[in-house]
Amino acid sequence: MNLFLAPFLSILAPLVAGAAISAAKNPTNTSLPPGLLFHSIVPKTGIGLSQLSCKCFSEFLTLLKSQNKHTVSVSDLRESIHSINDSVALTFDDGLEDFYTHAFPLLEEKNMKATLFPVASFIGKEVKWDVFGKKRHVSKAMLREISDRGHCIGSHSLTHANLIWLGSKMLKQELLASKQILEDITGKEIDCISFPFGGWNARVWECAKEVGYKSATVYRGHSKATPELLPVYGVYRFDTASEIFKRAFPGSSWSNSRTIALLMSHFSKGSPLWTYRKEYDLWHRS
């Protein structure tokens, strides 16, 4: 692990380690394959923790192939012909352009599939909601090509809002408008979603189901996940290919790699405060 990160984890660990270890020992939805959450695949990693190098991602895909593991989309989790012990869902939040330029070719080369969750109102535009910014989202043409090649497209909301902080009207708009925009681009049904900042609760999921979503990935709150929700474990720039593989396939009832991922997921809780919006209602969280 990156030495720069060690002090932060040592401070955070006592606060959430108990819950994280418990979740790692007792994973929910054991009838579903494991899920991994990626964000950005780049030639050389920078300051962002959610970046992963092309080299590491390629090595991870090669490792999957050598171990006869298969990839499955979030929309097709229950229809997969492969055993859950031999499958993994590779998910990518945000829909950044570097998915198209770097991850997509590597996946195609290995004949593996991923689920991409773009922020619908930022298609073809520069990131406005990220602390680090200066990144672009996939264009409509890129998104259509990715979809036409058999990769699953899901929603990551309309504007990358923290959905649990929105009132009912704006929540429905974020969920429904993003679905419609992506369906117009791809010509296919959009029936899965990834919640920005990992923010979800029963109210958010019920609203999502009302507008037509059938499945979702959850970055946090694994213990509360219903059968339609796939717990995913984040991947970070300090991970090696073998650590990512162990996160998906721990091979035991307890996984140090999964515990680290669950600890890291708590960093995203404060992210929305960097781009706080006037429409947020911090008391509207149930």
Foldseek 3Di string as FASTA:
>chain_A
DDPVCVVVCVVLCVVCLVVLQVCLLPFPLPQWAAEAEAEAEDCDDDDDFRYAYLVQLLVLLVVLVVVQAAEDELVCGPVDPDHSLRYYAYEYEAQFPRCLVRVLVSCVVSVHEYEYAHQQQQAQHWDDQFPVTPTHHHHLVSLQVNVVVPHHYAHQWNRLAQLLQADPVVLLCRQQVSQVSSCVSNVDGHAEYEYRLLHDDPVSVVSNVVNHHQAYEGDDPSVVDDNRYHYYFYDTHPDGSVLVVCCRNVPHSGHPSSSVRRSVSVVSPCSCVVVPDPRGHPVRRD
